[in-house]
mmCIF file of all heavy atoms, coordinates in Angstrom:
data_MODEL
# 
_entry.id   MODEL 
# 
loop_
_atom_site.group_PDB 
_atom_site.id 
_atom_site.type_symbol 
_atom_site.label_atom_id 
_atom_site.label_alt_id 
_atom_site.label_comp_id 
_atom_site.label_asym_id 
_atom_site.label_entity_id 
_atom_site.label_seq_id 
_atom_site.pdbx_PDB_ins_code 
_atom_site.Cartn_x 
_atom_site.Cartn_y 
_atom_site.Cartn_z 
_atom_site.occupancy 
_atom_site.B_iso_or_equiv 
_atom_site.pdbx_formal_charge 
_atom_site.auth_seq_id 
_atom_site.auth_comp_id 
_atom_site.auth_asym_id 
_atom_site.auth_atom_id 
_atom_site.pdbx_PDB_model_num 
ATOM 1   N N   . PRO A 1 1  ? 203.341 36.644 216.898 1.00 0.00 ? 1  PRO A N   1 
ATOM 2   C CA  . PRO A 1 1  ? 202.456 37.776 216.592 1.00 0.00 ? 1  PRO A CA  1 
ATOM 3   C C   . PRO A 1 1  ? 202.371 38.738 217.776 1.00 0.00 ? 1  PRO A C   1 
ATOM 4   O O   . PRO A 1 1  ? 202.494 38.324 218.935 1.00 0.00 ? 1  PRO A O   1 
ATOM 5   C CB  . PRO A 1 1  ? 201.100 37.096 216.326 1.00 0.00 ? 1  PRO A CB  1 
ATOM 6   C CG  . PRO A 1 1  ? 201.451 35.705 215.893 1.00 0.00 ? 1  PRO A CG  1 
ATOM 7   C CD  . PRO A 1 1  ? 202.674 35.342 216.684 1.00 0.00 ? 1  PRO A CD  1 
ATOM 8   N N   . SER A 1 2  ? 202.150 40.001 217.468 1.00 0.00 ? 2  SER A N   1 
ATOM 9   C CA  . SER A 1 2  ? 202.120 41.034 218.498 1.00 0.00 ? 2  SER A CA  1 
ATOM 10  C C   . SER A 1 2  ? 201.034 40.764 219.540 1.00 0.00 ? 2  SER A C   1 
ATOM 11  O O   . SER A 1 2  ? 199.894 40.448 219.186 1.00 0.00 ? 2  SER A O   1 
ATOM 12  C CB  . SER A 1 2  ? 201.865 42.399 217.847 1.00 0.00 ? 2  SER A CB  1 
ATOM 13  O OG  . SER A 1 2  ? 201.455 43.350 218.805 1.00 0.00 ? 2  SER A OG  1 
ATOM 14  N N   . PRO A 1 3  ? 201.364 40.918 220.836 1.00 0.00 ? 3  PRO A N   1 
ATOM 15  C CA  . PRO A 1 3  ? 200.362 40.756 221.896 1.00 0.00 ? 3  PRO A CA  1 
ATOM 16  C C   . PRO A 1 3  ? 199.710 42.079 222.311 1.00 0.00 ? 3  PRO A C   1 
ATOM 17  O O   . PRO A 1 3  ? 198.941 42.109 223.269 1.00 0.00 ? 3  PRO A O   1 
ATOM 18  C CB  . PRO A 1 3  ? 201.194 40.191 223.044 1.00 0.00 ? 3  PRO A CB  1 
ATOM 19  C CG  . PRO A 1 3  ? 202.528 40.875 222.888 1.00 0.00 ? 3  PRO A CG  1 
ATOM 20  C CD  . PRO A 1 3  ? 202.733 41.061 221.395 1.00 0.00 ? 3  PRO A CD  1 
ATOM 21  N N   . ALA A 1 4  ? 199.999 43.164 221.599 1.00 0.00 ? 4  ALA A N   1 
ATOM 22  C CA  . ALA A 1 4  ? 199.548 44.499 222.023 1.00 0.00 ? 4  ALA A CA  1 
ATOM 23  C C   . ALA A 1 4  ? 198.022 44.571 222.086 1.00 0.00 ? 4  ALA A C   1 
ATOM 24  O O   . ALA A 1 4  ? 197.321 43.953 221.288 1.00 0.00 ? 4  ALA A O   1 
ATOM 25  C CB  . ALA A 1 4  ? 200.082 45.549 221.061 1.00 0.00 ? 4  ALA A CB  1 
ATOM 26  N N   . PRO A 1 5  ? 197.481 45.334 223.026 1.00 0.00 ? 5  PRO A N   1 
ATOM 27  C CA  . PRO A 1 5  ? 196.026 45.435 223.154 1.00 0.00 ? 5  PRO A CA  1 
ATOM 28  C C   . PRO A 1 5  ? 195.388 46.179 221.990 1.00 0.00 ? 5  PRO A C   1 
ATOM 29  O O   . PRO A 1 5  ? 195.999 47.056 221.378 1.00 0.00 ? 5  PRO A O   1 
ATOM 30  C CB  . PRO A 1 5  ? 195.834 46.216 224.468 1.00 0.00 ? 5  PRO A CB  1 
ATOM 31  C CG  . PRO A 1 5  ? 197.101 46.992 224.623 1.00 0.00 ? 5  PRO A CG  1 
ATOM 32  C CD  . PRO A 1 5  ? 198.186 46.125 224.064 1.00 0.00 ? 5  PRO A CD  1 
ATOM 33  N N   . ALA A 1 6  ? 194.144 45.811 221.675 1.00 0.00 ? 6  ALA A N   1 
ATOM 34  C CA  . ALA A 1 6  ? 193.352 46.578 220.716 1.00 0.00 ? 6  ALA A CA  1 
ATOM 35  C C   . ALA A 1 6  ? 192.893 47.865 221.389 1.00 0.00 ? 6  ALA A C   1 
ATOM 36  O O   . ALA A 1 6  ? 192.639 47.900 222.596 1.00 0.00 ? 6  ALA A O   1 
ATOM 37  C CB  . ALA A 1 6  ? 192.156 45.759 220.251 1.00 0.00 ? 6  ALA A CB  1 
ATOM 38  N N   . LEU A 1 7  ? 192.794 48.931 220.604 1.00 0.00 ? 7  LEU A N   1 
ATOM 39  C CA  . LEU A 1 7  ? 192.477 50.254 221.142 1.00 0.00 ? 7  LEU A CA  1 
ATOM 40  C C   . LEU A 1 7  ? 191.167 50.752 220.547 1.00 0.00 ? 7  LEU A C   1 
ATOM 41  O O   . LEU A 1 7  ? 190.774 50.371 219.449 1.00 0.00 ? 7  LEU A O   1 
ATOM 42  C CB  . LEU A 1 7  ? 193.608 51.229 220.804 1.00 0.00 ? 7  LEU A CB  1 
ATOM 43  C CG  . LEU A 1 7  ? 195.009 50.795 221.238 1.00 0.00 ? 7  LEU A CG  1 
ATOM 44  C CD1 . LEU A 1 7  ? 196.053 51.727 220.652 1.00 0.00 ? 7  LEU A CD1 1 
ATOM 45  C CD2 . LEU A 1 7  ? 195.109 50.759 222.767 1.00 0.00 ? 7  LEU A CD2 1 
ATOM 46  N N   . VAL A 1 8  ? 190.515 51.639 221.269 1.00 0.00 ? 8  VAL A N   1 
ATOM 47  C CA  . VAL A 1 8  ? 189.248 52.221 220.825 1.00 0.00 ? 8  VAL A CA  1 
ATOM 48  C C   . VAL A 1 8  ? 189.525 53.467 219.990 1.00 0.00 ? 8  VAL A C   1 
ATOM 49  O O   . VAL A 1 8  ? 190.304 54.333 220.397 1.00 0.00 ? 8  VAL A O   1 
ATOM 50  C CB  . VAL A 1 8  ? 188.352 52.577 222.030 1.00 0.00 ? 8  VAL A CB  1 
ATOM 51  C CG1 . VAL A 1 8  ? 187.100 53.329 221.567 1.00 0.00 ? 8  VAL A CG1 1 
ATOM 52  C CG2 . VAL A 1 8  ? 187.974 51.321 222.795 1.00 0.00 ? 8  VAL A CG2 1 
ATOM 53  N N   . GLN A 1 9  ? 188.927 53.554 218.808 1.00 0.00 ? 9  GLN A N   1 
ATOM 54  C CA  . GLN A 1 9  ? 188.928 54.780 218.002 1.00 0.00 ? 9  GLN A CA  1 
ATOM 55  C C   . GLN A 1 9  ? 187.609 55.493 218.295 1.00 0.00 ? 9  GLN A C   1 
ATOM 56  O O   . GLN A 1 9  ? 186.531 54.985 217.996 1.00 0.00 ? 9  GLN A O   1 
ATOM 57  C CB  . GLN A 1 9  ? 189.055 54.449 216.513 1.00 0.00 ? 9  GLN A CB  1 
ATOM 58  C CG  . GLN A 1 9  ? 188.912 55.654 215.575 1.00 0.00 ? 9  GLN A CG  1 
ATOM 59  C CD  . GLN A 1 9  ? 190.139 56.545 215.541 1.00 0.00 ? 9  GLN A CD  1 
ATOM 60  O OE1 . GLN A 1 9  ? 190.948 56.526 216.473 1.00 0.00 ? 9  GLN A OE1 1 
ATOM 61  N NE2 . GLN A 1 9  ? 190.284 57.329 214.490 1.00 0.00 ? 9  GLN A NE2 1 
ATOM 62  N N   . THR A 1 10 ? 187.686 56.643 218.922 1.00 0.00 ? 10 THR A N   1 
ATOM 63  C CA  . THR A 1 10 ? 186.475 57.310 219.389 1.00 0.00 ? 10 THR A CA  1 
ATOM 64  C C   . THR A 1 10 ? 185.573 57.730 218.230 1.00 0.00 ? 10 THR A C   1 
ATOM 65  O O   . THR A 1 10 ? 186.038 58.009 217.123 1.00 0.00 ? 10 THR A O   1 
ATOM 66  C CB  . THR A 1 10 ? 186.825 58.559 220.208 1.00 0.00 ? 10 THR A CB  1 
ATOM 67  O OG1 . THR A 1 10 ? 187.454 59.523 219.340 1.00 0.00 ? 10 THR A OG1 1 
ATOM 68  C CG2 . THR A 1 10 ? 187.758 58.220 221.362 1.00 0.00 ? 10 THR A CG2 1 
ATOM 69  N N   . ASP A 1 11 ? 184.283 57.793 218.505 1.00 0.00 ? 11 ASP A N   1 
ATOM 70  C CA  . ASP A 1 11 ? 183.339 58.270 217.499 1.00 0.00 ? 11 ASP A CA  1 
ATOM 71  C C   . ASP A 1 11 ? 183.650 59.704 217.106 1.00 0.00 ? 11 ASP A C   1 
ATOM 72  O O   . ASP A 1 11 ? 183.354 60.124 215.981 1.00 0.00 ? 11 ASP A O   1 
ATOM 73  C CB  . ASP A 1 11 ? 181.904 58.184 218.036 1.00 0.00 ? 11 ASP A CB  1 
ATOM 74  C CG  . ASP A 1 11 ? 181.447 56.742 218.241 1.00 0.00 ? 11 ASP A CG  1 
ATOM 75  O OD1 . ASP A 1 11 ? 182.215 55.826 217.899 1.00 0.00 ? 11 ASP A OD1 1 
ATOM 76  O OD2 . ASP A 1 11 ? 180.330 56.546 218.753 1.00 0.00 ? 11 ASP A OD2 1 
ATOM 77  N N   . THR A 1 12 ? 184.268 60.450 218.008 1.00 0.00 ? 12 THR A N   1 
ATOM 78  C CA  . THR A 1 12 ? 184.635 61.844 217.713 1.00 0.00 ? 12 THR A CA  1 
ATOM 79  C C   . THR A 1 12 ? 185.577 61.913 216.524 1.00 0.00 ? 12 THR A C   1 
ATOM 80  O O   . THR A 1 12 ? 185.468 62.810 215.674 1.00 0.00 ? 12 THR A O   1 
ATOM 81  C CB  . THR A 1 12 ? 185.302 62.495 218.943 1.00 0.00 ? 12 THR A CB  1 
ATOM 82  O OG1 . THR A 1 12 ? 184.417 62.394 220.051 1.00 0.00 ? 12 THR A OG1 1 
ATOM 83  C CG2 . THR A 1 12 ? 185.634 63.950 218.669 1.00 0.00 ? 12 THR A CG2 1 
ATOM 84  N N   . ASN A 1 13 ? 186.508 60.969 216.441 1.00 0.00 ? 13 ASN A N   1 
ATOM 85  C CA  . ASN A 1 13 ? 187.431 60.933 215.310 1.00 0.00 ? 13 ASN A CA  1 
ATOM 86  C C   . ASN A 1 13 ? 186.876 60.133 214.137 1.00 0.00 ? 13 ASN A C   1 
ATOM 87  O O   . ASN A 1 13 ? 187.212 60.405 212.983 1.00 0.00 ? 13 ASN A O   1 
ATOM 88  C CB  . ASN A 1 13 ? 188.775 60.333 215.747 1.00 0.00 ? 13 ASN A CB  1 
ATOM 89  C CG  . ASN A 1 13 ? 189.625 61.317 216.529 1.00 0.00 ? 13 ASN A CG  1 
ATOM 90  O OD1 . ASN A 1 13 ? 189.634 62.511 216.233 1.00 0.00 ? 13 ASN A OD1 1 
ATOM 91  N ND2 . ASN A 1 13 ? 190.332 60.835 217.542 1.00 0.00 ? 13 ASN A ND2 1 
ATOM 92  N N   . ALA A 1 14 ? 186.032 59.139 214.431 1.00 0.00 ? 14 ALA A N   1 
ATOM 93  C CA  . ALA A 1 14 ? 185.525 58.264 213.372 1.00 0.00 ? 14 ALA A CA  1 
ATOM 94  C C   . ALA A 1 14 ? 184.380 58.897 212.590 1.00 0.00 ? 14 ALA A C   1 
ATOM 95  O O   . ALA A 1 14 ? 184.184 58.599 211.411 1.00 0.00 ? 14 ALA A O   1 
ATOM 96  C CB  . ALA A 1 14 ? 185.068 56.934 213.964 1.00 0.00 ? 14 ALA A CB  1 
ATOM 97  N N   . GLY A 1 15 ? 183.583 59.742 213.250 1.00 0.00 ? 15 GLY A N   1 
ATOM 98  C CA  . GLY A 1 15 ? 182.477 60.391 212.549 1.00 0.00 ? 15 GLY A CA  1 
ATOM 99  C C   . GLY A 1 15 ? 181.205 59.571 212.505 1.00 0.00 ? 15 GLY A C   1 
ATOM 100 O O   . GLY A 1 15 ? 180.112 60.117 212.375 1.00 0.00 ? 15 GLY A O   1 
ATOM 101 N N   . LEU A 1 16 ? 181.318 58.250 212.596 1.00 0.00 ? 16 LEU A N   1 
ATOM 102 C CA  . LEU A 1 16 ? 180.170 57.344 212.662 1.00 0.00 ? 16 LEU A CA  1 
ATOM 103 C C   . LEU A 1 16 ? 180.453 56.287 213.715 1.00 0.00 ? 16 LEU A C   1 
ATOM 104 O O   . LEU A 1 16 ? 181.605 55.853 213.880 1.00 0.00 ? 16 LEU A O   1 
ATOM 105 C CB  . LEU A 1 16 ? 179.939 56.644 211.316 1.00 0.00 ? 16 LEU A CB  1 
ATOM 106 C CG  . LEU A 1 16 ? 179.361 57.459 210.160 1.00 0.00 ? 16 LEU A CG  1 
ATOM 107 C CD1 . LEU A 1 16 ? 179.431 56.639 208.874 1.00 0.00 ? 16 LEU A CD1 1 
ATOM 108 C CD2 . LEU A 1 16 ? 177.927 57.870 210.452 1.00 0.00 ? 16 LEU A CD2 1 
ATOM 109 N N   . SER A 1 17 ? 179.422 55.838 214.407 1.00 0.00 ? 17 SER A N   1 
ATOM 110 C CA  . SER A 1 17 ? 179.606 54.795 215.415 1.00 0.00 ? 17 SER A CA  1 
ATOM 111 C C   . SER A 1 17 ? 179.702 53.434 214.744 1.00 0.00 ? 17 SER A C   1 
ATOM 112 O O   . SER A 1 17 ? 179.241 53.233 213.609 1.00 0.00 ? 17 SER A O   1 
ATOM 113 C CB  . SER A 1 17 ? 178.438 54.798 216.400 1.00 0.00 ? 17 SER A CB  1 
ATOM 114 O OG  . SER A 1 17 ? 177.246 54.362 215.755 1.00 0.00 ? 17 SER A OG  1 
ATOM 115 N N   . SER A 1 18 ? 180.280 52.471 215.460 1.00 0.00 ? 18 SER A N   1 
ATOM 116 C CA  . SER A 1 18 ? 180.336 51.108 214.947 1.00 0.00 ? 18 SER A CA  1 
ATOM 117 C C   . SER A 1 18 ? 178.925 50.567 214.749 1.00 0.00 ? 18 SER A C   1 
ATOM 118 O O   . SER A 1 18 ? 178.666 49.824 213.786 1.00 0.00 ? 18 SER A O   1 
ATOM 119 C CB  . SER A 1 18 ? 181.116 50.213 215.914 1.00 0.00 ? 18 SER A CB  1 
ATOM 120 O OG  . SER A 1 18 ? 181.021 48.862 215.526 1.00 0.00 ? 18 SER A OG  1 
ATOM 121 N N   . ARG A 1 19 ? 178.003 50.917 215.623 1.00 0.00 ? 19 ARG A N   1 
ATOM 122 C CA  . ARG A 1 19 ? 176.625 50.443 215.475 1.00 0.00 ? 19 ARG A CA  1 
ATOM 123 C C   . ARG A 1 19 ? 176.030 50.899 214.148 1.00 0.00 ? 19 ARG A C   1 
ATOM 124 O O   . ARG A 1 19 ? 175.392 50.110 213.437 1.00 0.00 ? 19 ARG A O   1 
ATOM 125 C CB  . ARG A 1 19 ? 175.775 50.970 216.637 1.00 0.00 ? 19 ARG A CB  1 
ATOM 126 C CG  . ARG A 1 19 ? 174.305 50.548 216.554 1.00 0.00 ? 19 ARG A CG  1 
ATOM 127 C CD  . ARG A 1 19 ? 173.499 51.180 217.667 1.00 0.00 ? 19 ARG A CD  1 
ATOM 128 N NE  . ARG A 1 19 ? 173.626 52.636 217.662 1.00 0.00 ? 19 ARG A NE  1 
ATOM 129 C CZ  . ARG A 1 19 ? 172.954 53.442 216.842 1.00 0.00 ? 19 ARG A CZ  1 
ATOM 130 N NH1 . ARG A 1 19 ? 172.134 52.938 215.922 1.00 0.00 ? 19 ARG A NH1 1 
ATOM 131 N NH2 . ARG A 1 19 ? 173.115 54.745 216.908 1.00 0.00 ? 19 ARG A NH2 1 
ATOM 132 N N   . GLU A 1 20 ? 176.279 52.165 213.777 1.00 0.00 ? 20 GLU A N   1 
ATOM 133 C CA  . GLU A 1 20 ? 175.775 52.676 212.499 1.00 0.00 ? 20 GLU A CA  1 
ATOM 134 C C   . GLU A 1 20 ? 176.417 51.946 211.322 1.00 0.00 ? 20 GLU A C   1 
ATOM 135 O O   . GLU A 1 20 ? 175.751 51.612 210.330 1.00 0.00 ? 20 GLU A O   1 
ATOM 136 C CB  . GLU A 1 20 ? 176.040 54.179 212.398 1.00 0.00 ? 20 GLU A CB  1 
ATOM 137 C CG  . GLU A 1 20 ? 175.234 55.025 213.369 1.00 0.00 ? 20 GLU A CG  1 
ATOM 138 C CD  . GLU A 1 20 ? 175.686 56.473 213.377 1.00 0.00 ? 20 GLU A CD  1 
ATOM 139 O OE1 . GLU A 1 20 ? 176.855 56.730 213.732 1.00 0.00 ? 20 GLU A OE1 1 
ATOM 140 O OE2 . GLU A 1 20 ? 174.862 57.342 213.026 1.00 0.00 ? 20 GLU A OE2 1 
ATOM 141 N N   . LYS A 1 21 ? 177.714 51.706 211.413 1.00 0.00 ? 21 LYS A N   1 
ATOM 142 C CA  . LYS A 1 21 ? 178.415 51.024 210.330 1.00 0.00 ? 21 LYS A CA  1 
ATOM 143 C C   . LYS A 1 21 ? 177.940 49.580 210.186 1.00 0.00 ? 21 LYS A C   1 
ATOM 144 O O   . LYS A 1 21 ? 177.707 49.082 209.073 1.00 0.00 ? 21 LYS A O   1 
ATOM 145 C CB  . LYS A 1 21 ? 179.929 51.067 210.569 1.00 0.00 ? 21 LYS A CB  1 
ATOM 146 C CG  . LYS A 1 21 ? 180.524 52.469 210.524 1.00 0.00 ? 21 LYS A CG  1 
ATOM 147 C CD  . LYS A 1 21 ? 182.007 52.449 210.885 1.00 0.00 ? 21 LYS A CD  1 
ATOM 148 C CE  . LYS A 1 21 ? 182.616 53.844 210.850 1.00 0.00 ? 21 LYS A CE  1 
ATOM 149 N NZ  . LYS A 1 21 ? 184.051 53.835 211.197 1.00 0.00 ? 21 LYS A NZ  1 
ATOM 150 N N   . ARG A 1 22 ? 177.786 48.879 211.321 1.00 0.00 ? 22 ARG A N   1 
ATOM 151 C CA  . ARG A 1 22 ? 177.328 47.490 211.270 1.00 0.00 ? 22 ARG A CA  1 
ATOM 152 C C   . ARG A 1 22 ? 175.897 47.387 210.761 1.00 0.00 ? 22 ARG A C   1 
ATOM 153 O O   . ARG A 1 22 ? 175.542 46.447 210.029 1.00 0.00 ? 22 ARG A O   1 
ATOM 154 C CB  . ARG A 1 22 ? 177.459 46.853 212.650 1.00 0.00 ? 22 ARG A CB  1 
ATOM 155 C CG  . ARG A 1 22 ? 178.902 46.526 213.023 1.00 0.00 ? 22 ARG A CG  1 
ATOM 156 C CD  . ARG A 1 22 ? 179.004 45.796 214.354 1.00 0.00 ? 22 ARG A CD  1 
ATOM 157 N NE  . ARG A 1 22 ? 178.829 46.694 215.485 1.00 0.00 ? 22 ARG A NE  1 
ATOM 158 C CZ  . ARG A 1 22 ? 177.743 46.791 216.234 1.00 0.00 ? 22 ARG A CZ  1 
ATOM 159 N NH1 . ARG A 1 22 ? 176.682 46.016 215.963 1.00 0.00 ? 22 ARG A NH1 1 
ATOM 160 N NH2 . ARG A 1 22 ? 177.682 47.625 217.248 1.00 0.00 ? 22 ARG A NH2 1 
ATOM 161 N N   . ALA A 1 23 ? 175.065 48.359 211.140 1.00 0.00 ? 23 ALA A N   1 
ATOM 162 C CA  . ALA A 1 23 ? 173.685 48.367 210.649 1.00 0.00 ? 23 ALA A CA  1 
ATOM 163 C C   . ALA A 1 23 ? 173.660 48.507 209.128 1.00 0.00 ? 23 ALA A C   1 
ATOM 164 O O   . ALA A 1 23 ? 172.853 47.856 208.450 1.00 0.00 ? 23 ALA A O   1 
ATOM 165 C CB  . ALA A 1 23 ? 172.901 49.501 211.307 1.00 0.00 ? 23 ALA A CB  1 
ATOM 166 N N   . ALA A 1 24 ? 174.546 49.341 208.584 1.00 0.00 ? 24 ALA A N   1 
ATOM 167 C CA  . ALA A 1 24 ? 174.612 49.524 207.131 1.00 0.00 ? 24 ALA A CA  1 
ATOM 168 C C   . ALA A 1 24 ? 175.037 48.229 206.447 1.00 0.00 ? 24 ALA A C   1 
ATOM 169 O O   . ALA A 1 24 ? 174.508 47.864 205.396 1.00 0.00 ? 24 ALA A O   1 
ATOM 170 C CB  . ALA A 1 24 ? 175.569 50.662 206.796 1.00 0.00 ? 24 ALA A CB  1 
ATOM 171 N N   . VAL A 1 25 ? 176.006 47.512 207.042 1.00 0.00 ? 25 VAL A N   1 
ATOM 172 C CA  . VAL A 1 25 ? 176.421 46.231 206.473 1.00 0.00 ? 25 VAL A CA  1 
ATOM 173 C C   . VAL A 1 25 ? 175.267 45.235 206.543 1.00 0.00 ? 25 VAL A C   1 
ATOM 174 O O   . VAL A 1 25 ? 175.028 44.468 205.597 1.00 0.00 ? 25 VAL A O   1 
ATOM 175 C CB  . VAL A 1 25 ? 177.670 45.689 207.203 1.00 0.00 ? 25 VAL A CB  1 
ATOM 176 C CG1 . VAL A 1 25 ? 177.997 44.269 206.720 1.00 0.00 ? 25 VAL A CG1 1 
ATOM 177 C CG2 . VAL A 1 25 ? 178.865 46.604 206.966 1.00 0.00 ? 25 VAL A CG2 1 
ATOM 178 N N   . GLY A 1 26 ? 174.523 45.251 207.657 1.00 0.00 ? 26 GLY A N   1 
ATOM 179 C CA  . GLY A 1 26 ? 173.368 44.365 207.788 1.00 0.00 ? 26 GLY A CA  1 
ATOM 180 C C   . GLY A 1 26 ? 172.333 44.618 206.703 1.00 0.00 ? 26 GLY A C   1 
ATOM 181 O O   . GLY A 1 26 ? 171.785 43.671 206.110 1.00 0.00 ? 26 GLY A O   1 
# 
């Protein structure tokens, strides 16, 4: 399996933060 690093997708491109998305799932 690929060993490549995980990368950050900025909120600028995503439009919503991970915190907002996780809160909605919660």
